[in-house]
C-alpha atoms as a PDB file:
ATOM      1  CA  MET A   1       0.000   0.001   0.002  1.00  0.00           C
ATOM      2  CA  GLN A   2       1.326   3.456  -0.876  1.00  0.00           C
ATOM      3  CA  ARG A   3       2.063   5.979   1.850  1.00  0.00           C
ATOM      4  CA  VAL A   4      -0.847   8.308   2.609  1.00  0.00           C
ATOM      5  CA  ASP A   5       1.053  11.447   1.553  1.00  0.00           C
ATOM      6  CA  GLU A   6       1.811   9.917  -1.856  1.00  0.00           C
ATOM      7  CA  MET A   7      -1.856   9.039  -2.321  1.00  0.00           C
ATOM      8  CA  LEU A   8      -2.852  12.594  -1.381  1.00  0.00           C
ATOM      9  CA  ASP A   9      -0.409  13.978  -3.976  1.00  0.00           C
ATOM     10  CA  GLU A  10      -1.991  11.696  -6.585  1.00  0.00           C
ATOM     11  CA  GLY A  11      -5.490  12.945  -5.748  1.00  0.00           C
ATOM     12  CA  ARG A  12      -6.753   9.510  -4.734  1.00  0.00           C
ATOM     13  CA  PHE A  13      -8.850  10.714  -1.772  1.00  0.00           C
ATOM     14  CA  VAL A  14     -12.234  12.226  -2.685  1.00  0.00           C
ATOM     15  CA  ASP A  15     -15.492  13.164  -0.968  1.00  0.00           C
ATOM     16  CA  GLU A  16     -19.032  12.150  -1.947  1.00  0.00           C
ATOM     17  CA  ALA A  17     -19.166  14.868  -4.608  1.00  0.00           C
ATOM     18  CA  GLY A  18     -15.873  13.748  -6.150  1.00  0.00           C
ATOM     19  CA  ARG A  19     -13.857  16.710  -4.800  1.00  0.00           C
ATOM     20  CA  VAL A  20     -10.209  15.814  -4.279  1.00  0.00           C
ATOM     21  CA  PHE A  21      -8.526  16.105  -0.877  1.00  0.00           C
ATOM     22  CA  ARG A  22      -4.998  17.534  -0.782  1.00  0.00           C
ATOM     23  CA  ARG A  23      -2.462  17.833   2.023  1.00  0.00           C
ATOM     24  CA  ASP A  24      -3.678  21.351   2.837  1.00  0.00           C
ATOM     25  CA  SER A  25      -7.420  20.609   2.564  1.00  0.00           C
ATOM     26  CA  PRO A  26      -9.259  21.921   5.663  1.00  0.00           C
ATOM     27  CA  PHE A  27     -10.786  19.472   8.120  1.00  0.00           C
ATOM     28  CA  THR A  28     -14.548  19.191   7.746  1.00  0.00           C
ATOM     29  CA  PRO A  29     -16.422  17.132  10.354  1.00  0.00           C
ATOM     30  CA  GLN A  30     -19.042  14.548   9.336  1.00  0.00           C
ATOM     31  CA  THR A  31     -17.442  14.089   5.904  1.00  0.00           C
ATOM     32  CA  PHE A  32     -17.126  10.755   4.148  1.00  0.00           C
ATOM     33  CA  VAL A  33     -13.762  10.141   2.494  1.00  0.00           C
ATOM     34  CA  PHE A  34     -13.337   7.562  -0.280  1.00  0.00           C
ATOM     35  CA  PHE A  35     -10.267   5.980  -1.836  1.00  0.00           C
ATOM     36  CA  HIS A  36      -9.430   2.873  -3.859  1.00  0.00           C
ATOM     37  CA  ARG A  37      -6.826   0.502  -2.520  1.00  0.00           C
ATOM     38  CA  ASP A  38      -4.076  -0.763  -4.796  1.00  0.00           C
ATOM     39  CA  LEU A  39      -5.216  -3.843  -6.673  1.00  0.00           C
ATOM     40  CA  PRO A  40      -3.088  -6.980  -6.595  1.00  0.00           C
ATOM     41  CA  THR A  41      -1.578  -8.304  -9.796  1.00  0.00           C
ATOM     42  CA  GLU A  42      -3.933 -11.019 -10.987  1.00  0.00           C
ATOM     43  CA  THR A  43      -3.382 -13.781 -13.517  1.00  0.00           C
ATOM     44  CA  PRO A  44      -6.493 -14.039 -15.735  1.00  0.00           C
ATOM     45  CA  VAL A  45      -8.471 -17.239 -15.248  1.00  0.00           C
ATOM     46  CA  PRO A  46      -8.433 -18.933 -18.693  1.00  0.00           C
ATOM     47  CA  ALA A  47     -12.172 -19.633 -18.877  1.00  0.00           C
ATOM     48  CA  GLY A  48     -15.290 -17.716 -19.769  1.00  0.00           C
ATOM     49  CA  ILE A  49     -18.540 -17.437 -17.828  1.00  0.00           C
ATOM     50  CA  GLY A  50     -21.453 -19.259 -19.444  1.00  0.00           C
ATOM     51  CA  ILE A  51     -24.885 -17.611 -19.282  1.00  0.00           C
ATOM     52  CA  LEU A  52     -27.623 -20.129 -18.463  1.00  0.00           C
ATOM     53  CA  TYR A  53     -30.553 -17.727 -18.011  1.00  0.00           C
ATOM     54  CA  SER A  54     -31.322 -14.026 -17.837  1.00  0.00           C
ATOM     55  CA  ASP A  55     -34.428 -11.917 -17.204  1.00  0.00           C
ATOM     56  CA  GLU A  56     -35.187  -8.491 -15.707  1.00  0.00           C
ATOM     57  CA  ARG A  57     -34.349  -9.654 -12.153  1.00  0.00           C
ATOM     58  CA  ILE A  58     -31.832 -12.484 -12.202  1.00  0.00           C
ATOM     59  CA  LEU A  59     -28.840 -13.807 -14.089  1.00  0.00           C
ATOM     60  CA  VAL A  60     -27.857 -17.475 -13.789  1.00  0.00           C
ATOM     61  CA  VAL A  61     -24.356 -18.421 -14.891  1.00  0.00           C
ATOM     62  CA  ASP A  62     -21.962 -21.343 -15.125  1.00  0.00           C
ATOM     63  CA  LYS A  63     -19.020 -20.295 -12.955  1.00  0.00           C
ATOM     64  CA  PRO A  64     -15.733 -21.852 -14.072  1.00  0.00           C
ATOM     65  CA  HIS A  65     -13.198 -23.343 -11.679  1.00  0.00           C
ATOM     66  CA  PHE A  66     -10.737 -20.865 -10.117  1.00  0.00           C
ATOM     67  CA  LEU A  67     -12.919 -17.780 -10.604  1.00  0.00           C
ATOM     68  CA  SER A  68     -13.994 -16.171  -7.332  1.00  0.00           C
ATOM     69  CA  SER A  69     -17.715 -15.434  -6.928  1.00  0.00           C
ATOM     70  CA  ILE A  70     -17.094 -11.970  -5.444  1.00  0.00           C
ATOM     71  CA  PRO A  71     -14.090  -9.616  -5.280  1.00  0.00           C
ATOM     72  CA  ARG A  72     -12.149 -10.664  -2.221  1.00  0.00           C
ATOM     73  CA  GLY A  73      -8.524 -10.655  -1.079  1.00  0.00           C
ATOM     74  CA  ARG A  74      -6.220 -11.400  -4.008  1.00  0.00           C
ATOM     75  CA  HIS A  75      -9.124 -11.962  -6.395  1.00  0.00           C
ATOM     76  CA  VAL A  76     -10.801  -8.724  -7.445  1.00  0.00           C
ATOM     77  CA  LEU A  77     -10.870  -8.337 -11.221  1.00  0.00           C
ATOM     78  CA  GLU A  78     -10.864 -12.117 -11.552  1.00  0.00           C
ATOM     79  CA  SER A  79     -14.278 -12.565  -9.956  1.00  0.00           C
ATOM     80  CA  VAL A  80     -17.679 -13.293 -11.452  1.00  0.00           C
ATOM     81  CA  VAL A  81     -19.205 -10.063 -10.146  1.00  0.00           C
ATOM     82  CA  VAL A  82     -16.491  -7.710 -11.449  1.00  0.00           C
ATOM     83  CA  ARG A  83     -16.146  -9.463 -14.806  1.00  0.00           C
ATOM     84  CA  LEU A  84     -19.877  -9.422 -15.509  1.00  0.00           C
ATOM     85  CA  ARG A  85     -20.515  -5.912 -14.226  1.00  0.00           C
ATOM     86  CA  THR A  86     -17.991  -4.741 -16.804  1.00  0.00           C
ATOM     87  CA  GLN A  87     -19.019  -7.049 -19.654  1.00  0.00           C
ATOM     88  CA  LEU A  88     -22.771  -6.524 -19.288  1.00  0.00           C
ATOM     89  CA  GLY A  89     -22.852  -2.942 -18.045  1.00  0.00           C
ATOM     90  CA  LEU A  90     -24.696  -3.895 -14.847  1.00  0.00           C
ATOM     91  CA  PRO A  91     -23.154  -1.856 -11.994  1.00  0.00           C
ATOM     92  CA  GLU A  92     -25.523  -3.280  -9.330  1.00  0.00           C
ATOM     93  CA  LEU A  93     -25.061  -6.927 -10.285  1.00  0.00           C
ATOM     94  CA  THR A  94     -24.319  -9.093  -7.260  1.00  0.00           C
ATOM     95  CA  VAL A  95     -24.522 -12.713  -6.110  1.00  0.00           C
ATOM     96  CA  ALA A  96     -27.472 -14.145  -4.167  1.00  0.00           C
ATOM     97  CA  HIS A  97     -25.215 -16.879  -2.752  1.00  0.00           C
ATOM     98  CA  ARG A  98     -21.607 -18.021  -3.198  1.00  0.00           C
ATOM     99  CA  LEU A  99     -19.570 -20.879  -4.553  1.00  0.00           C
ATOM    100  CA  ASP A 100     -16.010 -21.584  -3.470  1.00  0.00           C
ATOM    101  CA  ARG A 101     -13.406 -20.242  -5.897  1.00  0.00           C
ATOM    102  CA  VAL A 102     -12.337 -23.795  -6.805  1.00  0.00           C
ATOM    103  CA  THR A 103     -15.900 -25.086  -7.306  1.00  0.00           C
ATOM    104  CA  ALA A 104     -17.566 -24.726 -10.712  1.00  0.00           C
ATOM    105  CA  GLY A 105     -21.216 -24.652 -11.698  1.00  0.00           C
ATOM    106  CA  VAL A 106     -24.563 -22.905 -11.302  1.00  0.00           C
ATOM    107  CA  LEU A 107     -24.435 -19.484  -9.635  1.00  0.00           C
ATOM    108  CA  LEU A 108     -27.414 -17.117  -9.199  1.00  0.00           C
ATOM    109  CA  LEU A 109     -26.974 -13.338  -9.359  1.00  0.00           C
ATOM    110  CA  THR A 110     -29.433 -10.447  -9.108  1.00  0.00           C
ATOM    111  CA  ARG A 111     -29.284  -7.637 -11.659  1.00  0.00           C
ATOM    112  CA  GLU A 112     -30.286  -4.763  -9.367  1.00  0.00           C
ATOM    113  CA  ARG A 113     -29.820  -4.098  -5.654  1.00  0.00           C
ATOM    114  CA  LYS A 114     -33.592  -4.119  -5.006  1.00  0.00           C
ATOM    115  CA  TRP A 115     -33.849  -7.785  -6.012  1.00  0.00           C
ATOM    116  CA  ARG A 116     -31.031  -9.139  -3.891  1.00  0.00           C
ATOM    117  CA  ARG A 117     -32.919  -9.557  -0.617  1.00  0.00           C
ATOM    118  CA  PRO A 118     -35.805 -11.823  -1.773  1.00  0.00           C
ATOM    119  CA  TYR A 119     -33.437 -14.177  -3.596  1.00  0.00           C
ATOM    120  CA  GLN A 120     -30.796 -14.150  -0.860  1.00  0.00           C
ATOM    121  CA  GLU A 121     -33.418 -14.947   1.801  1.00  0.00           C
ATOM    122  CA  MET A 122     -34.512 -17.929  -0.270  1.00  0.00           C
ATOM    123  CA  PHE A 123     -31.055 -19.446   0.301  1.00  0.00           C
ATOM    124  CA  GLU A 124     -31.034 -18.456   3.973  1.00  0.00           C
ATOM    125  CA  ARG A 125     -34.369 -20.281   4.476  1.00  0.00           C
ATOM    126  CA  ARG A 126     -32.932 -23.340   2.673  1.00  0.00           C
ATOM    127  CA  GLU A 127     -35.696 -23.309   0.097  1.00  0.00           C
ATOM    128  CA  VAL A 128     -33.276 -24.007  -2.764  1.00  0.00           C
ATOM    129  CA  VAL A 129     -32.739 -27.617  -3.823  1.00  0.00           C
ATOM    130  CA  LYS A 130     -29.085 -28.076  -4.794  1.00  0.00           C
ATOM    131  CA  LYS A 131     -27.358 -31.069  -6.317  1.00  0.00           C
ATOM    132  CA  TYR A 132     -23.624 -31.327  -6.829  1.00  0.00           C
ATOM    133  CA  ARG A 133     -21.602 -33.717  -8.941  1.00  0.00           C
ATOM    134  CA  LEU A 134     -18.065 -34.774  -8.161  1.00  0.00           C
ATOM    135  CA  VAL A 135     -15.369 -37.290  -9.031  1.00  0.00           C
ATOM    136  CA  ALA A 136     -13.682 -39.340  -6.288  1.00  0.00           C
ATOM    137  CA  PRO A 137     -12.386 -42.867  -5.701  1.00  0.00           C
ATOM    138  CA  VAL A 138     -15.039 -45.578  -5.643  1.00  0.00           C
ATOM    139  CA  VAL A 139     -16.322 -46.244  -2.120  1.00  0.00           C
ATOM    140  CA  HIS A 140     -16.664 -49.837  -0.917  1.00  0.00           C
ATOM    141  CA  ASP A 141     -18.956 -50.339   2.087  1.00  0.00           C
ATOM    142  CA  PRO A 142     -17.793 -47.508   4.357  1.00  0.00           C
ATOM    143  CA  ALA A 143     -18.302 -48.218   8.056  1.00  0.00           C
ATOM    144  CA  ARG A 144     -17.593 -45.107  10.074  1.00  0.00           C
ATOM    145  CA  GLU A 145     -19.481 -43.160  12.682  1.00  0.00           C
ATOM    146  CA  GLY A 146     -21.946 -40.735  11.138  1.00  0.00           C
ATOM    147  CA  ILE A 147     -22.461 -42.714   7.904  1.00  0.00           C
ATOM    148  CA  GLY A 148     -25.798 -44.392   7.306  1.00  0.00           C
ATOM    149  CA  ALA A 149     -26.861 -46.475   4.339  1.00  0.00           C
ATOM    150  CA  THR A 150     -29.762 -45.245   2.182  1.00  0.00           C
ATOM    151  CA  LYS A 151     -31.644 -46.949  -0.634  1.00  0.00           C
ATOM    152  CA  ASN A 152     -29.141 -45.788  -3.265  1.00  0.00           C
ATOM    153  CA  GLY A 153     -26.129 -44.608  -1.308  1.00  0.00           C
ATOM    154  CA  TRP A 154     -25.241 -43.009   2.007  1.00  0.00           C
ATOM    155  CA  GLN A 155     -26.243 -40.203   4.329  1.00  0.00           C
ATOM    156  CA  VAL A 156     -23.319 -38.561   6.102  1.00  0.00           C
ATOM    157  CA  ARG A 157     -23.923 -36.602   9.303  1.00  0.00           C
ATOM    158  CA  SER A 158     -21.355 -34.732  11.407  1.00  0.00           C
ATOM    159  CA  ARG A 159     -20.642 -31.523  13.268  1.00  0.00           C
ATOM    160  CA  ILE A 160     -18.542 -29.094  11.213  1.00  0.00           C
ATOM    161  CA  ILE A 161     -16.867 -25.898  12.405  1.00  0.00           C
ATOM    162  CA  LYS A 162     -14.829 -23.356  10.458  1.00  0.00           C
ATOM    163  CA  GLU A 163     -12.479 -21.041  12.338  1.00  0.00           C
ATOM    164  CA  ARG A 164     -11.565 -17.628  10.942  1.00  0.00           C
ATOM    165  CA  GLY A 165      -8.074 -17.601   9.431  1.00  0.00           C
ATOM    166  CA  ILE A 166      -7.862 -21.399   9.137  1.00  0.00           C
ATOM    167  CA  LEU A 167      -8.106 -22.784   5.600  1.00  0.00           C
ATOM    168  CA  GLN A 168      -9.658 -26.114   6.543  1.00  0.00           C
ATOM    169  CA  ALA A 169     -13.014 -26.655   8.184  1.00  0.00           C
ATOM    170  CA  ARG A 170     -13.076 -29.616  10.552  1.00  0.00           C
ATOM    171  CA  GLU A 171     -15.416 -32.153  12.071  1.00  0.00           C
ATOM    172  CA  VAL A 172     -15.722 -32.178  15.860  1.00  0.00           C
ATOM    173  CA  PRO A 173     -17.688 -34.233  18.391  1.00  0.00           C
ATOM    174  CA  GLY A 174     -21.197 -33.050  19.123  1.00  0.00           C
ATOM    175  CA  VAL A 175     -24.688 -32.806  17.703  1.00  0.00           C
ATOM    176  CA  PRO A 176     -24.527 -32.959  13.872  1.00  0.00           C
ATOM    177  CA  ASN A 177     -25.083 -29.664  12.075  1.00  0.00           C
ATOM    178  CA  ALA A 178     -24.225 -30.953   8.582  1.00  0.00           C
ATOM    179  CA  VAL A 179     -26.082 -33.609   6.584  1.00  0.00           C
ATOM    180  CA  THR A 180     -25.340 -34.759   3.019  1.00  0.00           C
ATOM    181  CA  ASP A 181     -27.001 -37.458   0.900  1.00  0.00           C
ATOM    182  CA  ILE A 182     -24.479 -39.053  -1.466  1.00  0.00           C
ATOM    183  CA  VAL A 183     -25.113 -41.454  -4.365  1.00  0.00           C
ATOM    184  CA  LEU A 184     -22.582 -43.197  -6.615  1.00  0.00           C
ATOM    185  CA  ILE A 185     -24.019 -42.834 -10.126  1.00  0.00           C
ATOM    186  CA  GLY A 186     -21.143 -44.091 -12.295  1.00  0.00           C
ATOM    187  CA  LYS A 187     -17.845 -45.989 -12.226  1.00  0.00           C
ATOM    188  CA  CYS A 188     -14.796 -45.901 -14.475  1.00  0.00           C
ATOM    189  CA  GLY A 189     -11.727 -47.759 -13.313  1.00  0.00           C
ATOM    190  CA  GLY A 190     -11.113 -46.820  -9.724  1.00  0.00           C
ATOM    191  CA  LEU A 191     -12.990 -43.519  -9.954  1.00  0.00           C
ATOM    192  CA  GLY A 192     -16.656 -42.832  -9.390  1.00  0.00           C
ATOM    193  CA  LEU A 193     -19.063 -40.080 -10.392  1.00  0.00           C
ATOM    194  CA  TYR A 194     -21.133 -39.045  -7.385  1.00  0.00           C
ATOM    195  CA  GLU A 195     -24.183 -36.899  -6.818  1.00  0.00           C
ATOM    196  CA  ALA A 196     -24.270 -35.064  -3.492  1.00  0.00           C
ATOM    197  CA  SER A 197     -27.371 -33.361  -2.084  1.00  0.00           C
ATOM    198  CA  PRO A 198     -26.549 -31.213   0.952  1.00  0.00           C
ATOM    199  CA  ARG A 199     -29.404 -30.792   3.416  1.00  0.00           C
ATOM    200  CA  THR A 200     -27.449 -28.111   5.267  1.00  0.00           C
ATOM    201  CA  GLY A 201     -24.928 -25.502   4.158  1.00  0.00           C
ATOM    202  CA  ARG A 202     -21.769 -25.712   6.238  1.00  0.00           C
ATOM    203  CA  THR A 203     -18.433 -24.534   4.817  1.00  0.00           C
ATOM    204  CA  HIS A 204     -16.704 -27.293   2.790  1.00  0.00           C
ATOM    205  CA  GLN A 205     -19.436 -29.722   3.840  1.00  0.00           C
ATOM    206  CA  ILE A 206     -19.384 -31.951   0.764  1.00  0.00           C
ATOM    207  CA  ARG A 207     -15.581 -32.043   0.683  1.00  0.00           C
ATOM    208  CA  LEU A 208     -15.400 -33.119   4.334  1.00  0.00           C
ATOM    209  CA  HIS A 209     -18.184 -35.669   3.976  1.00  0.00           C
ATOM    210  CA  MET A 210     -16.531 -37.283   0.960  1.00  0.00           C
ATOM    211  CA  GLN A 211     -13.342 -37.545   3.011  1.00  0.00           C
ATOM    212  CA  ARG A 212     -15.375 -39.178   5.818  1.00  0.00           C
ATOM    213  CA  LEU A 213     -16.596 -41.725   3.263  1.00  0.00           C
ATOM    214  CA  GLY A 214     -12.961 -42.519   2.521  1.00  0.00           C
ATOM    215  CA  ALA A 215     -13.076 -40.915  -0.922  1.00  0.00           C
ATOM    216  CA  PRO A 216     -11.583 -37.380  -1.025  1.00  0.00           C
ATOM    217  CA  ILE A 217     -12.607 -35.448  -4.132  1.00  0.00           C
ATOM    218  CA  VAL A 218     -10.062 -35.555  -6.962  1.00  0.00           C
ATOM    219  CA  ASN A 219      -7.689 -32.547  -6.912  1.00  0.00           C
ATOM    220  CA  ASP A 220      -8.928 -31.201  -3.576  1.00  0.00           C
ATOM    221  CA  PRO A 221      -6.264 -28.680  -2.471  1.00  0.00           C
ATOM    222  CA  PHE A 222      -7.458 -28.646   1.180  1.00  0.00           C
ATOM    223  CA  TYR A 223      -8.489 -32.204   2.083  1.00  0.00           C
ATOM    224  CA  PRO A 224      -7.103 -34.405   3.461  1.00  0.00           C
ATOM    225  CA  THR A 225      -4.071 -32.062   3.570  1.00  0.00           C
ATOM    226  CA  VAL A 226      -3.534 -28.470   2.464  1.00  0.00           C
ATOM    227  CA  LEU A 227      -1.430 -28.344  -0.700  1.00  0.00           C
ATOM    228  CA  ASP A 228       0.960 -25.487  -1.435  1.00  0.00           C
ATOM    229  CA  THR A 229      -0.509 -24.742  -4.870  1.00  0.00           C
ATOM    230  CA  PRO A 230       0.371 -21.433  -6.595  1.00  0.00           C
ATOM    231  CA  VAL A 231      -2.669 -19.190  -6.977  1.00  0.00           C
ATOM    232  CA  ASP A 232      -2.113 -19.002 -10.759  1.00  0.00           C
ATOM    233  CA  ASP A 233      -1.860 -22.790 -11.249  1.00  0.00           C
ATOM    234  CA  PHE A 234      -5.025 -23.730 -13.131  1.00  0.00           C
ATOM    235  CA  THR A 235      -3.915 -27.220 -14.155  1.00  0.00           C
ATOM    236  CA  HIS A 236      -5.676 -29.366 -11.540  1.00  0.00           C
ATOM    237  CA  PRO A 237      -9.250 -28.139 -10.921  1.00  0.00           C
ATOM    238  CA  LEU A 238     -11.167 -29.544  -7.973  1.00  0.00           C
ATOM    239  CA  GLN A 239     -13.580 -32.103  -9.421  1.00  0.00           C
ATOM    240  CA  LEU A 240     -16.654 -30.627  -7.761  1.00  0.00           C
ATOM    241  CA  GLN A 241     -19.513 -28.951  -9.588  1.00  0.00           C
ATOM    242  CA  ALA A 242     -22.733 -27.237  -8.507  1.00  0.00           C
ATOM    243  CA  TRP A 243     -24.668 -29.257 -11.058  1.00  0.00           C
ATOM    244  CA  ARG A 244     -28.310 -28.364 -10.574  1.00  0.00           C
ATOM    245  CA  MET A 245     -30.396 -25.793  -8.695  1.00  0.00           C
ATOM    246  CA  GLY A 246     -34.157 -25.634  -8.283  1.00  0.00           C
ATOM    247  CA  PHE A 247     -36.476 -23.249  -6.425  1.00  0.00           C
ATOM    248  CA  THR A 248     -39.768 -21.399  -6.522  1.00  0.00           C
ATOM    249  CA  ASP A 249     -39.127 -17.833  -7.671  1.00  0.00           C
ATOM    250  CA  PRO A 250     -39.773 -15.594  -4.621  1.00  0.00           C
ATOM    251  CA  VAL A 251     -41.080 -12.756  -6.813  1.00  0.00           C
ATOM    252  CA  SER A 252     -43.088 -14.438  -9.571  1.00  0.00           C
ATOM    253  CA  GLY A 253     -43.941 -17.733  -7.834  1.00  0.00           C
ATOM    254  CA  GLU A 254     -42.760 -19.683 -10.887  1.00  0.00           C
ATOM    255  CA  PRO A 255     -40.819 -22.957 -10.533  1.00  0.00           C
ATOM    256  CA  ARG A 256     -37.205 -22.580 -11.663  1.00  0.00           C
ATOM    257  CA  ALA A 257     -34.551 -25.174 -12.419  1.00  0.00           C
ATOM    258  CA  PHE A 258     -31.087 -24.694 -13.895  1.00  0.00           C
ATOM    259  CA  THR A 259     -28.477 -27.299 -14.850  1.00  0.00           C
ATOM    260  CA  SER A 260     -24.781 -26.717 -15.475  1.00  0.00           C
ATOM    261  CA  ARG A 261     -23.425 -27.360 -18.975  1.00  0.00           C
ATOM    262  CA  LEU A 262     -19.864 -27.783 -17.742  1.00  0.00           C
ATOM    263  CA  ARG A 263     -18.087 -31.129 -17.622  1.00  0.00           C
ATOM    264  CA  LEU A 264     -15.765 -32.432 -14.951  1.00  0.00           C
ATOM    265  CA  ALA A 265     -12.382 -33.023 -16.578  1.00  0.00           C
ATOM    266  CA  ALA A 266     -11.723 -36.281 -14.712  1.00  0.00           C
ATOM    267  CA  TRP A 267     -15.010 -37.754 -15.933  1.00  0.00           C
ATOM    268  CA  GLN A 268     -15.333 -37.806 -19.724  1.00  0.00           C
END
């Protein structure tokens, strides 16, 4: 970050009317001061954003692997929100929910600020049905605490916590707060294609529950161990995809369903 005096000389501090503050500008109480921080150098993510649906309220896209949902930390320009605001000329565009940077698939955005709340609350009330697809080793009769057999697969239950500043979430003893239904829908060699339906929304829930099954997701940089992968290494995408999303539109009352068109590279 530049020194404050250098930023003042460059005219980078302004008030609400756009007037520039200088070193000798008088102090005025109750004044808002704005400035833009220096942006990090970002390597462009080599993938476009697919548009699945658009109307006057919402935009549904296929987020590629490695592209952040929102501008955050080292990922500002290389985020879905910033890219699409620029490309589509929609300054109020924002996400109604989030996907991890390394997860691909269906992402819902609202076109104007006034529409964000009804769609965001839909996710908070868990009224959205979400299905994920992923590639991981084939599971053979897992027998661990918190795993129950279902008609077509397994239900995994555990208590997950995520501490600020720690990359990994973790499972701890206690009443379960995370539940995922998992089905193996295809096999090829030693790998399987799975469908995961989370009943709750804890951080990294599916990734932890696949590890509990004994089948960590292919190319997971956090589980079972954190890998020291350069931020601009796009060669090994996590094989996890937000495959399908369904809900009743909170404004129109219409049923909605959207399916990703992306393919998982490890499953062709």
